[in-house]
C-alpha atoms as a PDB file:
ATOM      1  CA  MET A   1    -187.733  -8.641  73.151  1.00  0.00           C
ATOM      2  CA  THR A   2    -190.909 -10.982  72.818  1.00  0.00           C
ATOM      3  CA  SER A   3    -192.514 -11.358  76.147  1.00  0.00           C
ATOM      4  CA  ARG A   4    -193.887 -14.817  77.128  1.00  0.00           C
ATOM      5  CA  PRO A   5    -196.899 -15.652  79.310  1.00  0.00           C
ATOM      6  CA  GLY A   6    -196.213 -14.885  82.810  1.00  0.00           C
ATOM      7  CA  GLY A   7    -193.849 -11.957  81.520  1.00  0.00           C
ATOM      8  CA  HIS A   8    -190.731 -13.967  80.809  1.00  0.00           C
ATOM      9  CA  THR A   9    -188.655 -13.083  77.931  1.00  0.00           C
ATOM     10  CA  ARG A  10    -186.818 -15.855  75.923  1.00  0.00           C
ATOM     11  CA  ARG A  11    -183.620 -14.723  77.231  1.00  0.00           C
ATOM     12  CA  THR A  12    -184.700 -14.973  80.869  1.00  0.00           C
ATOM     13  CA  LEU A  13    -186.105 -18.736  80.129  1.00  0.00           C
ATOM     14  CA  LEU A  14    -182.734 -19.624  78.460  1.00  0.00           C
ATOM     15  CA  ASN A  15    -180.732 -18.244  81.308  1.00  0.00           C
ATOM     16  CA  ALA A  16    -182.883 -20.032  83.971  1.00  0.00           C
ATOM     17  CA  ALA A  17    -182.441 -23.323  82.014  1.00  0.00           C
ATOM     18  CA  SER A  18    -178.498 -22.811  81.675  1.00  0.00           C
ATOM     19  CA  VAL A  19    -178.346 -22.234  85.530  1.00  0.00           C
ATOM     20  CA  ALA A  20    -180.516 -25.239  86.152  1.00  0.00           C
ATOM     21  CA  ALA A  21    -178.287 -27.386  83.992  1.00  0.00           C
ATOM     22  CA  VAL A  22    -175.065 -26.283  85.373  1.00  0.00           C
ATOM     23  CA  SER A  23    -176.587 -26.832  88.990  1.00  0.00           C
ATOM     24  CA  ALA A  24    -177.718 -30.251  88.070  1.00  0.00           C
ATOM     25  CA  PHE A  25    -174.133 -31.054  86.626  1.00  0.00           C
ATOM     26  CA  ALA A  26    -172.548 -29.582  89.665  1.00  0.00           C
ATOM     27  CA  GLY A  27    -174.773 -31.572  91.604  1.00  0.00           C
ATOM     28  CA  CYS A  28    -173.563 -34.903  89.961  1.00  0.00           C
ATOM     29  CA  LEU A  29    -169.981 -33.812  90.460  1.00  0.00           C
ATOM     30  CA  PHE A  30    -170.058 -32.551  93.892  1.00  0.00           C
ATOM     31  CA  GLY A  31    -173.269 -33.424  95.672  1.00  0.00           C
ATOM     32  CA  ASP A  32    -172.366 -36.403  97.112  1.00  0.00           C
ATOM     33  CA  GLY A  33    -173.246 -35.305 100.746  1.00  0.00           C
ATOM     34  CA  GLU A  34    -169.707 -35.775 101.907  1.00  0.00           C
ATOM     35  CA  ASP A  35    -170.190 -32.469 103.852  1.00  0.00           C
ATOM     36  CA  ASP A  36    -172.395 -34.029 106.231  1.00  0.00           C
ATOM     37  CA  TYR A  37    -169.508 -36.199 107.637  1.00  0.00           C
ATOM     38  CA  TYR A  38    -167.878 -33.204 108.743  1.00  0.00           C
ATOM     39  CA  ASP A  39    -170.877 -31.605 110.563  1.00  0.00           C
ATOM     40  CA  GLY A  40    -169.838 -30.248 114.292  1.00  0.00           C
ATOM     41  CA  GLU A  41    -166.120 -31.249 113.746  1.00  0.00           C
ATOM     42  CA  ALA A  42    -163.443 -28.982 114.579  1.00  0.00           C
ATOM     43  CA  PHE A  43    -160.190 -28.733 112.547  1.00  0.00           C
ATOM     44  CA  VAL A  44    -156.595 -28.002 113.334  1.00  0.00           C
ATOM     45  CA  ASP A  45    -155.197 -24.540 112.898  1.00  0.00           C
ATOM     46  CA  ASP A  46    -151.762 -26.013 111.655  1.00  0.00           C
ATOM     47  CA  GLU A  47    -152.648 -28.242 108.650  1.00  0.00           C
ATOM     48  CA  PRO A  48    -149.820 -30.928 108.398  1.00  0.00           C
ATOM     49  CA  ASP A  49    -148.555 -31.821 104.994  1.00  0.00           C
ATOM     50  CA  PHE A  50    -148.769 -35.592 105.568  1.00  0.00           C
ATOM     51  CA  ASP A  51    -145.625 -35.761 103.435  1.00  0.00           C
ATOM     52  CA  GLY A  52    -147.572 -34.963 100.489  1.00  0.00           C
ATOM     53  CA  HIS A  53    -149.887 -37.806 100.434  1.00  0.00           C
ATOM     54  CA  LEU A  54    -153.068 -35.892 100.204  1.00  0.00           C
ATOM     55  CA  GLU A  55    -151.962 -33.731  97.327  1.00  0.00           C
ATOM     56  CA  GLY A  56    -154.375 -33.729  94.560  1.00  0.00           C
ATOM     57  CA  ILE A  57    -157.604 -34.551  96.498  1.00  0.00           C
ATOM     58  CA  ASP A  58    -160.101 -32.462  97.798  1.00  0.00           C
ATOM     59  CA  HIS A  59    -160.484 -32.346 101.732  1.00  0.00           C
ATOM     60  CA  PRO A  60    -161.602 -29.532 104.113  1.00  0.00           C
ATOM     61  CA  GLY A  61    -158.976 -29.953 106.563  1.00  0.00           C
ATOM     62  CA  THR A  62    -157.566 -32.100 109.113  1.00  0.00           C
ATOM     63  CA  VAL A  63    -160.020 -32.967 111.910  1.00  0.00           C
ATOM     64  CA  ASP A  64    -158.877 -32.625 115.445  1.00  0.00           C
ATOM     65  CA  TRP A  65    -160.041 -35.479 117.364  1.00  0.00           C
ATOM     66  CA  THR A  66    -157.344 -34.696 120.216  1.00  0.00           C
ATOM     67  CA  GLU A  67    -160.145 -34.214 122.663  1.00  0.00           C
ATOM     68  CA  ALA A  68    -162.701 -36.791 121.334  1.00  0.00           C
ATOM     69  CA  SER A  69    -163.334 -40.029 122.716  1.00  0.00           C
ATOM     70  CA  ASP A  70    -162.515 -43.169 121.060  1.00  0.00           C
ATOM     71  CA  ASP A  71    -165.952 -44.026 120.292  1.00  0.00           C
ATOM     72  CA  GLU A  72    -166.075 -40.599 118.281  1.00  0.00           C
ATOM     73  CA  LYS A  73    -163.075 -41.166 116.219  1.00  0.00           C
ATOM     74  CA  ILE A  74    -165.004 -43.173 113.023  1.00  0.00           C
ATOM     75  CA  VAL A  75    -163.569 -42.859 109.573  1.00  0.00           C
ATOM     76  CA  TYR A  76    -166.139 -43.796 107.035  1.00  0.00           C
ATOM     77  CA  VAL A  77    -165.160 -45.596 104.241  1.00  0.00           C
ATOM     78  CA  GLY A  78    -166.729 -45.574 100.871  1.00  0.00           C
ATOM     79  CA  THR A  79    -167.794 -41.691 100.735  1.00  0.00           C
ATOM     80  CA  GLY A  80    -167.809 -39.061  98.212  1.00  0.00           C
ATOM     81  CA  LEU A  81    -168.202 -39.411  94.501  1.00  0.00           C
ATOM     82  CA  GLU A  82    -169.094 -42.997  93.665  1.00  0.00           C
ATOM     83  CA  GLY A  83    -167.976 -44.155  96.989  1.00  0.00           C
ATOM     84  CA  MET A  84    -164.191 -43.724  96.557  1.00  0.00           C
ATOM     85  CA  GLY A  85    -163.201 -41.801  99.604  1.00  0.00           C
ATOM     86  CA  TYR A  86    -162.594 -41.774 103.242  1.00  0.00           C
ATOM     87  CA  ALA A  87    -164.410 -39.231 105.668  1.00  0.00           C
ATOM     88  CA  PRO A  88    -162.677 -37.304 107.155  1.00  0.00           C
ATOM     89  CA  ARG A  89    -159.729 -37.496 104.732  1.00  0.00           C
ATOM     90  CA  ALA A  90    -157.562 -36.538 107.518  1.00  0.00           C
ATOM     91  CA  ALA A  91    -157.657 -36.468 111.285  1.00  0.00           C
ATOM     92  CA  ARG A  92    -155.107 -35.760 114.296  1.00  0.00           C
ATOM     93  CA  VAL A  93    -155.321 -38.007 117.184  1.00  0.00           C
ATOM     94  CA  THR A  94    -153.211 -38.527 120.445  1.00  0.00           C
ATOM     95  CA  VAL A  95    -150.903 -41.463 121.275  1.00  0.00           C
ATOM     96  CA  GLY A  96    -152.885 -44.482 122.513  1.00  0.00           C
ATOM     97  CA  SER A  97    -155.865 -43.586 120.516  1.00  0.00           C
ATOM     98  CA  THR A  98    -158.200 -46.381 118.679  1.00  0.00           C
ATOM     99  CA  VAL A  99    -159.488 -45.249 115.355  1.00  0.00           C
ATOM    100  CA  THR A 100    -162.446 -46.956 113.686  1.00  0.00           C
ATOM    101  CA  TRP A 101    -163.103 -47.274 110.108  1.00  0.00           C
ATOM    102  CA  GLU A 102    -166.693 -48.048 109.184  1.00  0.00           C
ATOM    103  CA  TRP A 103    -167.875 -49.197 105.603  1.00  0.00           C
ATOM    104  CA  THR A 104    -170.768 -47.278 104.204  1.00  0.00           C
ATOM    105  CA  GLY A 105    -171.443 -50.005 101.760  1.00  0.00           C
ATOM    106  CA  ASP A 106    -170.708 -47.666  98.934  1.00  0.00           C
ATOM    107  CA  GLY A 107    -168.225 -47.964  96.090  1.00  0.00           C
ATOM    108  CA  GLY A 108    -167.818 -51.872  96.285  1.00  0.00           C
ATOM    109  CA  ARG A 109    -164.876 -53.594  97.902  1.00  0.00           C
ATOM    110  CA  HIS A 110    -162.477 -51.262 100.118  1.00  0.00           C
ATOM    111  CA  ASP A 111    -159.778 -51.698 102.390  1.00  0.00           C
ATOM    112  CA  VAL A 112    -157.536 -49.583 104.575  1.00  0.00           C
ATOM    113  CA  VAL A 113    -153.740 -50.326 104.178  1.00  0.00           C
ATOM    114  CA  ASP A 114    -151.034 -48.157 105.904  1.00  0.00           C
ATOM    115  CA  THR A 115    -148.412 -47.035 103.461  1.00  0.00           C
ATOM    116  CA  ASP A 116    -145.644 -48.264 105.616  1.00  0.00           C
ATOM    117  CA  GLY A 117    -147.401 -51.609 106.652  1.00  0.00           C
ATOM    118  CA  ALA A 118    -148.456 -50.666 110.263  1.00  0.00           C
ATOM    119  CA  PHE A 119    -152.322 -51.915 109.342  1.00  0.00           C
ATOM    120  CA  ASP A 120    -154.256 -53.636 106.667  1.00  0.00           C
ATOM    121  CA  SER A 121    -157.969 -54.240 107.093  1.00  0.00           C
ATOM    122  CA  GLY A 122    -158.403 -56.512 104.270  1.00  0.00           C
ATOM    123  CA  GLU A 123    -161.250 -56.177 101.751  1.00  0.00           C
ATOM    124  CA  LEU A 124    -164.654 -55.392 103.080  1.00  0.00           C
ATOM    125  CA  HIS A 125    -167.716 -54.321 101.359  1.00  0.00           C
ATOM    126  CA  GLU A 126    -170.867 -54.636 103.886  1.00  0.00           C
ATOM    127  CA  GLU A 127    -172.273 -51.452 105.291  1.00  0.00           C
ATOM    128  CA  GLY A 128    -171.564 -51.442 108.939  1.00  0.00           C
ATOM    129  CA  ALA A 129    -168.148 -53.449 108.699  1.00  0.00           C
ATOM    130  CA  THR A 130    -165.411 -52.248 110.957  1.00  0.00           C
ATOM    131  CA  PHE A 131    -161.819 -52.187 111.280  1.00  0.00           C
ATOM    132  CA  GLU A 132    -159.970 -50.764 114.496  1.00  0.00           C
ATOM    133  CA  PHE A 133    -156.184 -49.772 115.102  1.00  0.00           C
ATOM    134  CA  THR A 134    -154.693 -48.472 118.094  1.00  0.00           C
ATOM    135  CA  PHE A 135    -151.909 -46.020 117.500  1.00  0.00           C
ATOM    136  CA  ASP A 136    -149.017 -46.449 120.149  1.00  0.00           C
ATOM    137  CA  GLU A 137    -146.505 -44.281 118.386  1.00  0.00           C
ATOM    138  CA  PRO A 138    -146.610 -40.789 117.505  1.00  0.00           C
ATOM    139  CA  GLY A 139    -145.945 -39.734 113.692  1.00  0.00           C
ATOM    140  CA  ILE A 140    -147.607 -39.484 110.233  1.00  0.00           C
ATOM    141  CA  TYR A 141    -149.888 -42.483 109.109  1.00  0.00           C
ATOM    142  CA  THR A 142    -150.748 -42.445 105.695  1.00  0.00           C
ATOM    143  CA  TYR A 143    -153.090 -45.122 104.144  1.00  0.00           C
ATOM    144  CA  TYR A 144    -154.865 -46.043 100.761  1.00  0.00           C
ATOM    145  CA  CYS A 145    -157.672 -48.223  99.178  1.00  0.00           C
ATOM    146  CA  THR A 146    -155.790 -51.071  97.576  1.00  0.00           C
ATOM    147  CA  PRO A 147    -158.616 -51.825  94.834  1.00  0.00           C
ATOM    148  CA  HIS A 148    -159.081 -47.786  94.390  1.00  0.00           C
ATOM    149  CA  ARG A 149    -155.522 -46.456  94.741  1.00  0.00           C
ATOM    150  CA  HIS A 150    -155.406 -45.431  91.152  1.00  0.00           C
ATOM    151  CA  ARG A 151    -158.626 -43.295  92.027  1.00  0.00           C
ATOM    152  CA  ALA A 152    -156.745 -41.448  94.812  1.00  0.00           C
ATOM    153  CA  MET A 153    -158.749 -42.896  97.546  1.00  0.00           C
ATOM    154  CA  LYS A 154    -156.365 -42.187 100.365  1.00  0.00           C
ATOM    155  CA  GLY A 155    -156.346 -40.558 103.851  1.00  0.00           C
ATOM    156  CA  ALA A 156    -154.095 -39.920 106.654  1.00  0.00           C
ATOM    157  CA  LEU A 157    -153.622 -39.515 110.306  1.00  0.00           C
ATOM    158  CA  GLU A 158    -151.304 -37.470 112.368  1.00  0.00           C
ATOM    159  CA  VAL A 159    -150.627 -39.005 115.845  1.00  0.00           C
ATOM    160  CA  VAL A 160    -149.477 -36.737 118.465  1.00  0.00           C
ATOM    161  CA  GLY A 161    -148.143 -37.110 122.092  1.00  0.00           C
ATOM    162  CA  ASP A 162    -150.438 -36.386 124.902  1.00  0.00           C
END
C-alpha cells in the first residue's frame, strides 16, 4: 500500500471518509436533539400499549409523571425530525392532573386532538403557545396532529387513579 503524508494509506482515508459520511447522514435522520426533552425523566416499568396507537413510531418509553407537579407536565409540540413530533410521546399522569402542551415553533401549524374527542387545541404555530387540559377520568388518551396525522405525529397519555 502506498503511504500518504502523515502515514495514512488510501484505505485509511477512504474508511475515514465513509465513516464521516454515514455519521453525517445519521445526524440528518436522527440528530434532532429530541433526547434532550427526556433528560432527567423517569420511565414507567410496565409500558402500556396505548391500544396500539404508538405502533410504528419511535419513542423511548412512557414518562412517569405520577409524582410530578402540574407545572412540570409539559408535552412539547413540534419536536423531532422536521418538527413532526411530540415530546414526550407518551406519559403517565394521575387523575386530576393538568397537562400543558407547548409549541416549539418548528414544523408549521400543529394541533393536539384527542382521538375520542375529549380535547382539541385548535391549530397553533407560534413558539411558546400553550394548551392545557385537566384529566378528571382514568383511562388511555390518544391524540394526534390533524395537519400531520399522515406523518404519524401522535402521542398518548395514561391517566391512573391516585
